[in-house]
Amino acid sequence: GSMRLQMKTKIKKPYKKNLKIKEQKIFEGQPFASEIGKSLGVYQPEEYLDTIDAYRLHPWVYSAVFVIATNFAQIEYKILRMKGNEEVEDVAHPFKKLLDYPNAFITSYQLKEWTGISLELTGDAYWKIERDERNNPIEIWPVKSSMIRPVVSADSFISNYIYEVDGKSMVFKLQDVIHFQYTNPLSMFYGQGSALASRRELIGDLMAE
């Protein structure tokens, strides 16, 4: 199979004097009840670490997720452009080269396998984009779901991300994070992993050992 990434080019329209300016969106119905999410970020669901532990310790979780992730890793990424009404693959696009060679330490297969594992266990997977002095993407790095959280905004939904490790925090710009997410009916910020459906049974199995 192949995963298709479609690149659309925005065309600037001529300026008109009497053009009405569209009002900025305001996301007032954020699903949280305090200001914490606007400063420290929305914290991850508690189930994150449970399902990660289950992958390390439970043979059936490991086997099932491993099969899904290795199949996910075999997906071929394609960059597509619109040429008239037809989709045409752009094999020379810079981001295609980046997908094939994410960085000097991990392969494209490893990046996709890691993404599949993270999605199945937590419902979320994150890529951090590193850029050069001209702001061009030059590397892709996977980020652990348990170490990153979105900072919400009333006018842009998510303003940036906070990455926290060893008690230290740093801010990732919104445009430098790619967030893959399984649909979660209880949250717009975090996904729901497949392993969560059997969380209670998994915890029971692990505690019985």
N, C-alpha and C. Protein backbone atom coordinates (compact mmCIF):
# COMPACT_ATOMS: atom_id res chain seq x y z
N GLY A 1 0.82 -1.19 0.00
CA GLY A 1 0.00 0.00 0.00
C GLY A 1 0.85 1.25 0.00
N SER A 2 0.24 2.36 -0.13
CA SER A 2 0.98 3.62 -0.14
C SER A 2 0.19 4.69 0.58
N MET A 3 0.91 5.58 1.28
CA MET A 3 0.28 6.71 1.94
C MET A 3 0.48 7.94 1.07
N ARG A 4 -0.57 8.63 0.73
CA ARG A 4 -0.49 9.74 -0.20
C ARG A 4 -0.52 11.06 0.56
N LEU A 5 0.47 11.88 0.31
CA LEU A 5 0.51 13.21 0.90
C LEU A 5 0.31 14.22 -0.21
N GLN A 6 -0.79 14.91 -0.20
CA GLN A 6 -1.13 15.83 -1.28
C GLN A 6 -0.72 17.25 -0.92
N MET A 7 0.09 17.85 -1.77
CA MET A 7 0.56 19.21 -1.55
C MET A 7 -0.27 20.17 -2.41
N LYS A 8 -0.93 21.14 -1.79
CA LYS A 8 -1.72 22.10 -2.54
C LYS A 8 -1.05 23.48 -2.48
N THR A 9 -0.98 24.13 -3.60
CA THR A 9 -0.36 25.45 -3.67
C THR A 9 -1.44 26.52 -3.58
N LYS A 10 -1.26 27.47 -2.63
CA LYS A 10 -2.21 28.57 -2.49
C LYS A 10 -1.87 29.69 -3.47
N ILE A 11 -2.87 30.17 -4.16
CA ILE A 11 -2.67 31.25 -5.13
C ILE A 11 -3.22 32.54 -4.54
N LYS A 12 -2.37 33.56 -4.45
CA LYS A 12 -2.81 34.85 -3.91
C LYS A 12 -3.75 35.56 -4.86
N LYS A 13 -4.86 36.03 -4.33
CA LYS A 13 -5.84 36.73 -5.15
C LYS A 13 -5.53 38.23 -5.14
N PRO A 14 -5.90 38.93 -6.19
CA PRO A 14 -5.65 40.37 -6.25
C PRO A 14 -6.32 41.11 -5.10
N TYR A 15 -5.68 42.16 -4.61
CA TYR A 15 -6.23 42.94 -3.50
C TYR A 15 -7.42 43.77 -3.97
N LYS A 16 -8.46 43.78 -3.15
CA LYS A 16 -9.63 44.60 -3.46
C LYS A 16 -9.88 45.56 -2.30
N LYS A 17 -10.10 46.83 -2.63
CA LYS A 17 -10.26 47.86 -1.61
C LYS A 17 -11.42 47.58 -0.66
N ASN A 18 -12.54 47.17 -1.22
CA ASN A 18 -13.74 47.00 -0.41
C ASN A 18 -13.92 45.56 0.09
N LEU A 19 -12.83 44.81 0.07
CA LEU A 19 -12.91 43.41 0.50
C LEU A 19 -13.15 43.35 2.01
N LYS A 20 -14.17 42.62 2.44
CA LYS A 20 -14.47 42.50 3.85
C LYS A 20 -13.48 41.55 4.52
N ILE A 21 -12.94 41.94 5.66
CA ILE A 21 -11.98 41.12 6.38
C ILE A 21 -12.74 40.10 7.22
N LYS A 22 -12.37 38.84 7.05
CA LYS A 22 -13.03 37.76 7.79
C LYS A 22 -12.61 37.81 9.26
N GLU A 23 -13.58 37.71 10.17
CA GLU A 23 -13.27 37.74 11.58
C GLU A 23 -12.49 36.50 12.00
N GLN A 24 -11.58 36.69 12.95
CA GLN A 24 -10.75 35.60 13.43
C GLN A 24 -11.58 34.59 14.22
N LYS A 25 -11.27 33.30 14.02
CA LYS A 25 -11.97 32.27 14.76
C LYS A 25 -11.63 32.34 16.24
N ILE A 26 -12.62 32.06 17.07
CA ILE A 26 -12.38 31.99 18.50
C ILE A 26 -12.91 30.66 19.00
N PHE A 27 -12.01 29.82 19.55
CA PHE A 27 -12.40 28.51 20.05
C PHE A 27 -12.73 28.63 21.54
N GLU A 28 -13.96 29.03 21.83
CA GLU A 28 -14.34 29.27 23.22
C GLU A 28 -14.74 27.99 23.94
N GLY A 29 -15.09 26.99 23.19
CA GLY A 29 -15.58 25.76 23.81
C GLY A 29 -14.51 24.73 24.05
N GLN A 30 -13.34 25.16 24.55
CA GLN A 30 -12.27 24.22 24.81
C GLN A 30 -12.69 23.24 25.91
N PRO A 31 -12.44 21.94 25.70
CA PRO A 31 -12.90 20.93 26.66
C PRO A 31 -12.04 20.82 27.91
N PHE A 32 -11.87 21.89 28.64
CA PHE A 32 -11.21 21.85 29.93
C PHE A 32 -11.75 23.01 30.75
N ALA A 33 -11.58 22.94 32.06
CA ALA A 33 -12.24 23.91 32.93
C ALA A 33 -11.30 24.89 33.62
N SER A 34 -10.04 24.92 33.24
CA SER A 34 -9.11 25.84 33.90
C SER A 34 -8.20 26.49 32.87
N GLU A 35 -7.35 27.38 33.35
CA GLU A 35 -6.40 28.08 32.50
C GLU A 35 -5.09 27.31 32.36
N ILE A 36 -4.98 26.16 33.03
CA ILE A 36 -3.72 25.40 33.02
C ILE A 36 -3.33 25.01 31.61
N GLY A 37 -4.29 24.58 30.82
CA GLY A 37 -4.00 24.12 29.47
C GLY A 37 -3.47 25.21 28.56
N LYS A 38 -3.70 26.48 28.97
CA LYS A 38 -3.24 27.59 28.15
C LYS A 38 -1.81 28.00 28.48
N SER A 39 -1.27 27.47 29.59
CA SER A 39 0.10 27.83 29.98
C SER A 39 1.02 26.63 30.05
N LEU A 40 0.57 25.57 30.70
CA LEU A 40 1.41 24.38 30.87
C LEU A 40 1.07 23.26 29.90
N GLY A 41 0.01 23.44 29.13
CA GLY A 41 -0.39 22.40 28.20
C GLY A 41 -1.42 21.45 28.80
N VAL A 42 -2.14 20.75 27.94
CA VAL A 42 -3.14 19.78 28.38
C VAL A 42 -2.43 18.46 28.66
N TYR A 43 -2.52 17.97 29.89
CA TYR A 43 -1.77 16.78 30.27
C TYR A 43 -2.34 15.52 29.62
N GLN A 44 -1.44 14.55 29.41
CA GLN A 44 -1.83 13.32 28.74
C GLN A 44 -2.76 12.48 29.61
N PRO A 45 -3.54 11.61 28.98
CA PRO A 45 -4.38 10.69 29.75
C PRO A 45 -3.51 9.78 30.62
N GLU A 46 -4.01 9.39 31.78
CA GLU A 46 -3.25 8.54 32.70
C GLU A 46 -2.96 7.17 32.10
N GLU A 47 -3.79 6.76 31.14
CA GLU A 47 -3.65 5.41 30.59
C GLU A 47 -2.40 5.24 29.73
N TYR A 48 -1.75 6.34 29.36
CA TYR A 48 -0.58 6.27 28.49
C TYR A 48 0.44 5.25 28.97
N LEU A 49 0.88 5.42 30.20
CA LEU A 49 1.97 4.58 30.72
C LEU A 49 1.52 3.14 30.92
N ASP A 50 0.23 2.93 31.21
CA ASP A 50 -0.28 1.56 31.38
C ASP A 50 -0.14 0.76 30.09
N THR A 51 -0.55 1.35 28.98
CA THR A 51 -0.50 0.61 27.71
C THR A 51 0.94 0.45 27.22
N ILE A 52 1.81 1.41 27.54
CA ILE A 52 3.22 1.28 27.17
C ILE A 52 3.86 0.14 27.95
N ASP A 53 3.54 0.04 29.25
CA ASP A 53 4.05 -1.06 30.06
C ASP A 53 3.54 -2.40 29.55
N ALA A 54 2.29 -2.41 29.12
CA ALA A 54 1.70 -3.65 28.61
C ALA A 54 2.45 -4.13 27.37
N TYR A 55 2.89 -3.21 26.53
CA TYR A 55 3.66 -3.59 25.33
C TYR A 55 4.99 -4.22 25.71
N ARG A 56 5.60 -3.71 26.76
CA ARG A 56 6.90 -4.24 27.19
C ARG A 56 6.77 -5.58 27.88
N LEU A 57 5.64 -5.80 28.60
CA LEU A 57 5.57 -6.94 29.49
C LEU A 57 4.54 -8.00 29.10
N HIS A 58 3.54 -7.62 28.30
CA HIS A 58 2.47 -8.57 27.96
C HIS A 58 2.70 -9.14 26.57
N PRO A 59 2.89 -10.47 26.46
CA PRO A 59 3.24 -11.06 25.16
C PRO A 59 2.20 -10.86 24.07
N TRP A 60 0.90 -10.87 24.44
CA TRP A 60 -0.13 -10.74 23.41
C TRP A 60 -0.21 -9.30 22.90
N VAL A 61 -0.02 -8.34 23.78
CA VAL A 61 -0.01 -6.95 23.34
C VAL A 61 1.18 -6.71 22.42
N TYR A 62 2.33 -7.19 22.83
CA TYR A 62 3.52 -7.01 22.01
C TYR A 62 3.34 -7.64 20.62
N SER A 63 2.85 -8.86 20.59
CA SER A 63 2.69 -9.57 19.31
C SER A 63 1.72 -8.85 18.38
N ALA A 64 0.57 -8.43 18.92
CA ALA A 64 -0.45 -7.78 18.10
C ALA A 64 0.04 -6.43 17.57
N VAL A 65 0.61 -5.62 18.46
CA VAL A 65 1.08 -4.30 18.06
C VAL A 65 2.26 -4.41 17.10
N PHE A 66 3.13 -5.38 17.33
CA PHE A 66 4.29 -5.57 16.46
C PHE A 66 3.87 -5.87 15.03
N VAL A 67 2.87 -6.73 14.88
CA VAL A 67 2.40 -7.08 13.53
C VAL A 67 1.81 -5.85 12.83
N ILE A 68 0.99 -5.09 13.55
CA ILE A 68 0.38 -3.89 12.96
C ILE A 68 1.45 -2.88 12.58
N ALA A 69 2.42 -2.66 13.50
CA ALA A 69 3.44 -1.64 13.27
C ALA A 69 4.37 -2.00 12.12
N THR A 70 4.73 -3.28 11.99
CA THR A 70 5.63 -3.67 10.91
C THR A 70 4.92 -3.58 9.55
N ASN A 71 3.63 -3.81 9.54
CA ASN A 71 2.87 -3.60 8.30
C ASN A 71 2.75 -2.12 7.98
N PHE A 72 2.54 -1.32 9.01
CA PHE A 72 2.47 0.13 8.84
C PHE A 72 3.78 0.67 8.28
N ALA A 73 4.89 0.09 8.72
CA ALA A 73 6.21 0.55 8.31
C ALA A 73 6.49 0.28 6.83
N GLN A 74 5.73 -0.62 6.23
CA GLN A 74 5.95 -0.96 4.83
C GLN A 74 5.17 -0.05 3.87
N ILE A 75 4.37 0.85 4.43
CA ILE A 75 3.64 1.80 3.60
C ILE A 75 4.62 2.74 2.90
N GLU A 76 4.41 2.95 1.64
CA GLU A 76 5.28 3.85 0.87
C GLU A 76 4.65 5.25 0.84
N TYR A 77 5.42 6.22 1.28
CA TYR A 77 4.93 7.60 1.23
C TYR A 77 5.07 8.16 -0.18
N LYS A 78 4.07 8.93 -0.59
CA LYS A 78 4.12 9.59 -1.89
C LYS A 78 3.68 11.04 -1.75
N ILE A 79 4.40 11.93 -2.39
CA ILE A 79 4.01 13.34 -2.45
C ILE A 79 3.28 13.55 -3.77
N LEU A 80 2.05 14.05 -3.70
CA LEU A 80 1.25 14.25 -4.89
C LEU A 80 0.96 15.73 -5.11
N ARG A 81 1.01 16.13 -6.37
CA ARG A 81 0.63 17.47 -6.76
C ARG A 81 -0.53 17.39 -7.75
N MET A 82 -1.32 18.44 -7.78
CA MET A 82 -2.40 18.50 -8.74
C MET A 82 -1.89 19.12 -10.04
N LYS A 83 -2.05 18.41 -11.12
CA LYS A 83 -1.72 18.91 -12.45
C LYS A 83 -3.01 18.90 -13.25
N GLY A 84 -3.65 20.07 -13.29
CA GLY A 84 -5.00 20.10 -13.86
C GLY A 84 -5.94 19.40 -12.90
N ASN A 85 -6.62 18.38 -13.38
CA ASN A 85 -7.52 17.58 -12.53
C ASN A 85 -6.90 16.24 -12.17
N GLU A 86 -5.62 16.11 -12.40
CA GLU A 86 -4.96 14.82 -12.19
C GLU A 86 -3.91 14.92 -11.08
N GLU A 87 -3.83 13.87 -10.25
CA GLU A 87 -2.81 13.80 -9.22
C GLU A 87 -1.54 13.20 -9.81
N VAL A 88 -0.43 13.91 -9.62
CA VAL A 88 0.85 13.47 -10.17
C VAL A 88 1.86 13.36 -9.04
N GLU A 89 2.59 12.25 -8.98
CA GLU A 89 3.59 12.07 -7.93
C GLU A 89 4.79 12.96 -8.19
N ASP A 90 5.26 13.59 -7.11
CA ASP A 90 6.44 14.45 -7.19
C ASP A 90 7.59 13.73 -6.47
N VAL A 91 8.36 12.95 -7.22
CA VAL A 91 9.41 12.14 -6.63
C VAL A 91 10.62 12.98 -6.21
N ALA A 92 10.73 14.20 -6.72
CA ALA A 92 11.88 15.04 -6.42
C ALA A 92 11.59 16.06 -5.32
N HIS A 93 10.40 15.99 -4.72
CA HIS A 93 10.05 16.96 -3.69
C HIS A 93 10.97 16.81 -2.48
N PRO A 94 11.46 17.91 -1.91
CA PRO A 94 12.39 17.84 -0.77
C PRO A 94 11.84 17.06 0.42
N PHE A 95 10.52 17.18 0.68
CA PHE A 95 9.96 16.47 1.83
C PHE A 95 9.90 14.96 1.58
N LYS A 96 9.80 14.54 0.32
CA LYS A 96 9.84 13.11 0.00
C LYS A 96 11.21 12.54 0.36
N LYS A 97 12.26 13.29 0.07
CA LYS A 97 13.61 12.85 0.42
C LYS A 97 13.76 12.78 1.94
N LEU A 98 13.12 13.71 2.65
CA LEU A 98 13.18 13.71 4.09
C LEU A 98 12.44 12.51 4.68
N LEU A 99 11.32 12.13 4.07
CA LEU A 99 10.58 10.95 4.52
C LEU A 99 11.38 9.67 4.29
N ASP A 100 12.15 9.65 3.20
CA ASP A 100 12.96 8.47 2.90
C ASP A 100 14.22 8.40 3.77
N TYR A 101 14.73 9.56 4.19
CA TYR A 101 15.93 9.63 5.03
C TYR A 101 15.69 10.65 6.15
N PRO A 102 14.98 10.24 7.22
CA PRO A 102 14.56 11.18 8.27
C PRO A 102 15.72 11.91 8.96
N ASN A 103 16.75 11.17 9.33
CA ASN A 103 17.94 11.76 9.92
C ASN A 103 19.07 10.74 9.86
N ALA A 104 20.21 11.10 10.39
CA ALA A 104 21.40 10.26 10.25
C ALA A 104 21.38 9.02 11.13
N PHE A 105 20.39 8.91 12.02
CA PHE A 105 20.43 7.84 13.00
C PHE A 105 19.30 6.82 12.87
N ILE A 106 18.21 7.17 12.22
CA ILE A 106 17.11 6.22 12.04
C ILE A 106 16.69 6.17 10.57
N THR A 107 16.19 5.02 10.16
CA THR A 107 15.74 4.85 8.78
C THR A 107 14.27 5.22 8.65
N SER A 108 13.81 5.31 7.42
CA SER A 108 12.40 5.57 7.17
C SER A 108 11.54 4.46 7.74
N TYR A 109 12.00 3.23 7.62
CA TYR A 109 11.25 2.08 8.15
C TYR A 109 11.11 2.20 9.66
N GLN A 110 12.18 2.54 10.36
CA GLN A 110 12.13 2.68 11.81
C GLN A 110 11.19 3.80 12.24
N LEU A 111 11.21 4.91 11.51
CA LEU A 111 10.32 6.03 11.82
C LEU A 111 8.86 5.62 11.70
N LYS A 112 8.54 4.91 10.63
CA LYS A 112 7.15 4.48 10.42
C LYS A 112 6.74 3.39 11.41
N GLU A 113 7.66 2.48 11.73
CA GLU A 113 7.35 1.43 12.70
C GLU A 113 7.09 2.05 14.08
N TRP A 114 7.94 2.99 14.47
CA TRP A 114 7.76 3.68 15.75
C TRP A 114 6.42 4.41 15.76
N THR A 115 6.06 5.05 14.65
CA THR A 115 4.80 5.77 14.56
C THR A 115 3.62 4.82 14.75
N GLY A 116 3.69 3.66 14.12
CA GLY A 116 2.62 2.67 14.26
C GLY A 116 2.48 2.16 15.68
N ILE A 117 3.60 1.88 16.34
CA ILE A 117 3.57 1.40 17.73
C ILE A 117 2.96 2.46 18.65
N SER A 118 3.41 3.70 18.48
CA SER A 118 2.92 4.78 19.33
C SER A 118 1.42 5.00 19.15
N LEU A 119 0.94 4.94 17.91
CA LEU A 119 -0.49 5.12 17.65
C LEU A 119 -1.32 4.01 18.28
N GLU A 120 -0.87 2.78 18.16
CA GLU A 120 -1.63 1.66 18.70
C GLU A 120 -1.70 1.70 20.23
N LEU A 121 -0.60 2.10 20.87
CA LEU A 121 -0.55 2.08 22.33
C LEU A 121 -1.18 3.31 22.96
N THR A 122 -0.94 4.50 22.39
CA THR A 122 -1.41 5.73 23.02
C THR A 122 -2.45 6.49 22.22
N GLY A 123 -2.58 6.16 20.94
CA GLY A 123 -3.51 6.90 20.09
C GLY A 123 -2.88 8.14 19.48
N ASP A 124 -1.61 8.40 19.83
CA ASP A 124 -0.90 9.58 19.35
C ASP A 124 0.51 9.22 18.91
N ALA A 125 1.01 9.95 17.93
CA ALA A 125 2.42 9.85 17.53
C ALA A 125 2.85 11.23 17.06
N TYR A 126 4.06 11.61 17.40
CA TYR A 126 4.55 12.95 17.08
C TYR A 126 5.88 12.89 16.34
N TRP A 127 6.00 13.76 15.34
CA TRP A 127 7.28 13.98 14.67
C TRP A 127 7.71 15.41 14.94
N LYS A 128 8.98 15.59 15.31
CA LYS A 128 9.55 16.92 15.48
C LYS A 128 10.39 17.24 14.24
N ILE A 129 10.11 18.37 13.62
CA ILE A 129 10.82 18.79 12.42
C ILE A 129 11.96 19.74 12.82
N GLU A 130 13.18 19.39 12.42
CA GLU A 130 14.32 20.28 12.63
C GLU A 130 14.57 21.06 11.34
N ARG A 131 14.93 22.33 11.47
CA ARG A 131 15.09 23.20 10.30
C ARG A 131 16.48 23.82 10.25
N ASP A 132 16.88 24.23 9.05
CA ASP A 132 18.15 24.91 8.88
C ASP A 132 17.97 26.42 9.06
N GLU A 133 19.03 27.19 8.81
CA GLU A 133 18.96 28.63 9.02
C GLU A 133 18.01 29.33 8.07
N ARG A 134 17.65 28.65 6.97
CA ARG A 134 16.69 29.21 6.02
C ARG A 134 15.27 28.73 6.28
N ASN A 135 15.09 28.03 7.40
CA ASN A 135 13.79 27.53 7.82
C ASN A 135 13.31 26.35 6.98
N ASN A 136 14.22 25.70 6.27
CA ASN A 136 13.86 24.50 5.49
C ASN A 136 13.95 23.26 6.37
N PRO A 137 12.98 22.34 6.30
CA PRO A 137 13.05 21.10 7.08
C PRO A 137 14.25 20.26 6.64
N ILE A 138 15.04 19.80 7.62
CA ILE A 138 16.22 18.99 7.28
C ILE A 138 16.25 17.65 8.02
N GLU A 139 15.45 17.51 9.09
CA GLU A 139 15.42 16.25 9.83
C GLU A 139 14.03 16.01 10.40
N ILE A 140 13.69 14.73 10.58
CA ILE A 140 12.48 14.33 11.29
C ILE A 140 12.89 13.44 12.46
N TRP A 141 12.38 13.77 13.66
CA TRP A 141 12.67 12.98 14.85
C TRP A 141 11.36 12.56 15.51
N PRO A 142 11.22 11.28 15.85
CA PRO A 142 10.04 10.87 16.61
C PRO A 142 10.14 11.35 18.04
N VAL A 143 9.00 11.70 18.64
CA VAL A 143 8.95 12.17 20.02
C VAL A 143 7.99 11.28 20.80
N LYS A 144 8.38 10.86 21.99
CA LYS A 144 7.53 10.01 22.81
C LYS A 144 6.24 10.75 23.18
N SER A 145 5.12 10.06 23.04
CA SER A 145 3.83 10.68 23.34
C SER A 145 3.72 11.12 24.79
N SER A 146 4.38 10.41 25.69
CA SER A 146 4.29 10.73 27.11
C SER A 146 5.10 11.95 27.50
N MET A 147 5.89 12.51 26.57
CA MET A 147 6.76 13.63 26.90
C MET A 147 6.35 14.94 26.23
N ILE A 148 5.24 14.94 25.52
CA ILE A 148 4.84 16.14 24.79
C ILE A 148 3.35 16.40 25.00
N ARG A 149 2.99 17.65 25.09
CA ARG A 149 1.58 17.99 25.28
C ARG A 149 1.28 19.32 24.59
N PRO A 150 0.06 19.47 24.09
CA PRO A 150 -0.32 20.71 23.39
C PRO A 150 -0.69 21.82 24.35
N VAL A 151 -0.36 23.05 23.96
CA VAL A 151 -0.79 24.24 24.70
C VAL A 151 -1.94 24.84 23.91
N VAL A 152 -3.10 24.97 24.53
CA VAL A 152 -4.29 25.39 23.81
C VAL A 152 -4.35 26.91 23.68
N SER A 153 -5.13 27.34 22.71
CA SER A 153 -5.27 28.76 22.42
C SER A 153 -6.70 29.06 22.05
N ALA A 154 -7.19 30.22 22.47
CA ALA A 154 -8.57 30.59 22.17
C ALA A 154 -8.75 31.00 20.72
N ASP A 155 -7.67 31.40 20.05
CA ASP A 155 -7.82 31.88 18.68
C ASP A 155 -7.19 30.98 17.62
N SER A 156 -6.35 29.99 18.06
CA SER A 156 -5.76 29.10 17.06
C SER A 156 -5.84 27.63 17.46
N PHE A 157 -6.69 27.33 18.45
CA PHE A 157 -6.92 25.98 18.95
C PHE A 157 -5.71 25.44 19.69
N ILE A 158 -4.58 25.26 18.98
CA ILE A 158 -3.32 24.89 19.62
C ILE A 158 -2.28 25.92 19.22
N SER A 159 -1.58 26.49 20.20
CA SER A 159 -0.60 27.53 19.89
C SER A 159 0.80 26.96 19.72
N ASN A 160 1.16 25.96 20.53
CA ASN A 160 2.47 25.33 20.45
C ASN A 160 2.45 24.05 21.27
N TYR A 161 3.59 23.41 21.39
CA TYR A 161 3.69 22.18 22.19
C TYR A 161 4.80 22.34 23.23
N ILE A 162 4.62 21.67 24.37
CA ILE A 162 5.65 21.66 25.40
C ILE A 162 6.24 20.25 25.47
N TYR A 163 7.55 20.18 25.37
CA TYR A 163 8.29 18.91 25.48
C TYR A 163 9.00 18.89 26.82
N GLU A 164 8.77 17.84 27.60
CA GLU A 164 9.33 17.79 28.94
C GLU A 164 10.07 16.47 29.16
N VAL A 165 11.32 16.57 29.61
CA VAL A 165 12.13 15.39 29.90
C VAL A 165 13.11 15.73 31.01
N ASP A 166 13.25 14.81 31.96
CA ASP A 166 14.17 14.99 33.10
C ASP A 166 13.90 16.29 33.85
N GLY A 167 12.62 16.66 33.97
CA GLY A 167 12.25 17.85 34.71
C GLY A 167 12.47 19.16 33.99
N LYS A 168 12.95 19.09 32.75
CA LYS A 168 13.19 20.30 31.97
C LYS A 168 12.17 20.39 30.84
N SER A 169 11.73 21.62 30.55
CA SER A 169 10.72 21.83 29.51
C SER A 169 11.26 22.73 28.40
N MET A 170 10.81 22.48 27.19
CA MET A 170 11.12 23.36 26.08
C MET A 170 9.89 23.48 25.20
N VAL A 171 9.79 24.58 24.50
CA VAL A 171 8.63 24.86 23.66
C VAL A 171 8.95 24.48 22.21
N PHE A 172 8.06 23.72 21.60
CA PHE A 172 8.14 23.40 20.18
C PHE A 172 7.10 24.24 19.44
N LYS A 173 7.51 24.90 18.39
CA LYS A 173 6.57 25.67 17.59
C LYS A 173 5.55 24.75 16.93
N LEU A 174 4.35 25.26 16.73
CA LEU A 174 3.28 24.48 16.13
C LEU A 174 3.67 23.93 14.78
N GLN A 175 4.34 24.74 13.95
CA GLN A 175 4.70 24.32 12.60
C GLN A 175 5.84 23.30 12.57
N ASP A 176 6.46 23.05 13.74
CA ASP A 176 7.57 22.10 13.80
C ASP A 176 7.15 20.75 14.35
N VAL A 177 5.85 20.56 14.59
CA VAL A 177 5.36 19.30 15.14
C VAL A 177 4.28 18.73 14.22
N ILE A 178 4.44 17.47 13.85
CA ILE A 178 3.40 16.75 13.11
C ILE A 178 2.77 15.76 14.08
N HIS A 179 1.49 15.91 14.32
CA HIS A 179 0.78 15.09 15.29
C HIS A 179 -0.15 14.12 14.56
N PHE A 180 0.15 12.82 14.67
CA PHE A 180 -0.74 11.78 14.15
C PHE A 180 -1.64 11.35 15.30
N GLN A 181 -2.91 11.14 15.01
CA GLN A 181 -3.86 10.93 16.10
C GLN A 181 -5.00 10.02 15.67
N TYR A 182 -5.27 8.98 16.47
CA TYR A 182 -6.49 8.19 16.29
C TYR A 182 -7.64 8.98 16.91
N THR A 183 -8.82 8.85 16.34
CA THR A 183 -9.98 9.58 16.85
C THR A 183 -10.31 9.15 18.28
N ASN A 184 -10.54 10.15 19.11
CA ASN A 184 -10.92 9.91 20.50
C ASN A 184 -12.20 10.69 20.77
N PRO A 185 -13.32 10.01 21.08
CA PRO A 185 -14.59 10.71 21.30
C PRO A 185 -14.59 11.60 22.54
N LEU A 186 -13.56 11.46 23.40
CA LEU A 186 -13.51 12.23 24.64
C LEU A 186 -12.52 13.39 24.60
N SER A 187 -11.73 13.47 23.53
CA SER A 187 -10.71 14.53 23.49
C SER A 187 -10.39 14.94 22.06
N MET A 188 -10.23 16.25 21.88
CA MET A 188 -9.79 16.77 20.59
C MET A 188 -8.27 16.89 20.54
N PHE A 189 -7.61 16.73 21.70
CA PHE A 189 -6.18 16.95 21.79
C PHE A 189 -5.38 15.65 21.79
N TYR A 190 -5.99 14.57 22.26
CA TYR A 190 -5.30 13.29 22.34
C TYR A 190 -6.13 12.19 21.71
N GLY A 191 -5.43 11.24 21.09
CA GLY A 191 -6.11 10.13 20.47
C GLY A 191 -6.38 9.01 21.46
N GLN A 192 -7.00 7.95 20.97
CA GLN A 192 -7.26 6.77 21.80
C GLN A 192 -6.63 5.56 21.12
N GLY A 193 -5.66 4.95 21.77
CA GLY A 193 -4.99 3.79 21.21
C GLY A 193 -5.85 2.54 21.28
N SER A 194 -5.56 1.60 20.41
CA SER A 194 -6.33 0.34 20.38
C SER A 194 -6.19 -0.45 21.68
N ALA A 195 -5.01 -0.35 22.30
CA ALA A 195 -4.75 -1.12 23.52
C ALA A 195 -5.59 -0.63 24.70
N LEU A 196 -6.10 0.60 24.61
CA LEU A 196 -6.86 1.16 25.73
C LEU A 196 -8.15 0.39 25.98
N ALA A 197 -8.71 -0.20 24.94
CA ALA A 197 -9.98 -0.92 25.08
C ALA A 197 -9.87 -2.10 26.05
N SER A 198 -8.68 -2.66 26.18
CA SER A 198 -8.51 -3.82 27.08
C SER A 198 -7.58 -3.46 28.24
N ARG A 199 -7.54 -2.19 28.62
CA ARG A 199 -6.63 -1.72 29.67
C ARG A 199 -6.84 -2.45 30.99
N ARG A 200 -8.10 -2.56 31.44
CA ARG A 200 -8.37 -3.20 32.73
C ARG A 200 -7.90 -4.65 32.74
N GLU A 201 -8.18 -5.37 31.67
CA GLU A 201 -7.77 -6.77 31.59
C GLU A 201 -6.25 -6.90 31.59
N LEU A 202 -5.59 -5.97 30.87
CA LEU A 202 -4.13 -6.01 30.81
C LEU A 202 -3.51 -5.74 32.17
N ILE A 203 -4.04 -4.74 32.89
CA ILE A 203 -3.54 -4.44 34.22
C ILE A 203 -3.74 -5.63 35.16
N GLY A 204 -4.90 -6.29 35.03
CA GLY A 204 -5.17 -7.47 35.85
C GLY A 204 -4.19 -8.59 35.58
N ASP A 205 -3.87 -8.79 34.28
CA ASP A 205 -2.90 -9.83 33.93
C ASP A 205 -1.52 -9.53 34.49
N LEU A 206 -1.11 -8.29 34.39
CA LEU A 206 0.22 -7.89 34.85
C LEU A 206 0.33 -7.98 36.38
N MET A 207 -0.73 -7.61 37.08
CA MET A 207 -0.71 -7.67 38.54
C MET A 207 -0.74 -9.10 39.06
N ALA A 208 -1.32 -10.02 38.24
CA ALA A 208 -1.42 -11.42 38.66
C ALA A 208 -0.10 -12.16 38.51
N GLU A 209 0.81 -11.58 37.70
CA GLU A 209 2.09 -12.28 37.46
C GLU A 209 3.03 -12.11 38.64
